[in-house]
């Protein structure tokens, strides 16, 4: 007889055995596991293993968790095995919540790190309470369920601590109470982009809407060209989010700005510019009756931002109202001093 269980399986063979004129059928079954999708986690060699989904019993995989999350074993790479009952242990990433020292209150959990699901008891000083008069805070997937701060129970137009945002932080020291019209500023964590107004204000006991921090999505086309410069790598038709390219300038040109740009939300960050060099020739100096003080070549290239010094030709002196003899090249432009004939050098 053959029995079918209500589990996902593949019937992979039938054995026919003849014993004493009796026929018996044996069916082989193999359990399968769906390819694991782990919230806040990544699989080792995920792209390599995913095409073989579903996974046969006995298959071993490894996963790791994102920053501020951990597996139940707290290992950097956690091993999971496909069994008859599914993945063992169950792959999951739990939020880690650091509990600070409580202003205007205390807790035995201060300075400790808790795991998602933990509940922390807080005792506030007289005249203070947690938000909504709660006495406990829970470590949830998004972090602490409410800010771990004791605020005044009678602020009258004042605000408690500003609301926390995912993947972002407040740039200033948090206070238990904020006066009306007080403002705070948010910034996003690395790689995240701020959407909305980075500054919120306390009005009538409530904070204005805080911004959000979004992970960049959307691919970019080829990086923008720049005058007198180019990227250091081969240009592609398409770039993944957070891809970066680096620019360099041609000889004698000076790069201004960040040499590396990044693809975020389908757009490249601002590319640099290449500042032009200054070319000084004999003809220009002849018109101004000047010479280079330290160089004797016929044509001189001066990079943008570099200083150069002139002097008058023999029997010439600085003209009245002339520009300084020491000057600087600014993006291909340079101011020349002027000399005039010194009549006192002639002998009558």
Foldseek 3Di string as FASTA:
>chain_A
DDDDDPADWDFDDWDWDADPNDTDIDTDIWHWAADDDEVQKDWDPCVVCNVVPGHTFFDKTWMAGHPQKAWPVRDRIDIWTQHNVYIPPDDYIWGKEQADAEDQWGFPRHRHIDTAADKTFIGGHPQWAFPPRDGIWGQHRQYIPGPRYTAGPDQQQKEAWDGDAHQKDWPDDTDGIGHFQDKTFMDGHPQWDWDDGRMWGRGSHDIDDHIYTHHFADKEAWDDDAPQKDWPDDTDGIGGFQDKIFMDGHPLWDWDDGRMWGHGNHDIDDHIYTFHWAKDAPVVCVVQQKDFPPDDDGIDTGHAFDKTFIAHDPQKAFDPPFDHRIWGHHRHDIGHGHIGGNPVVDDD
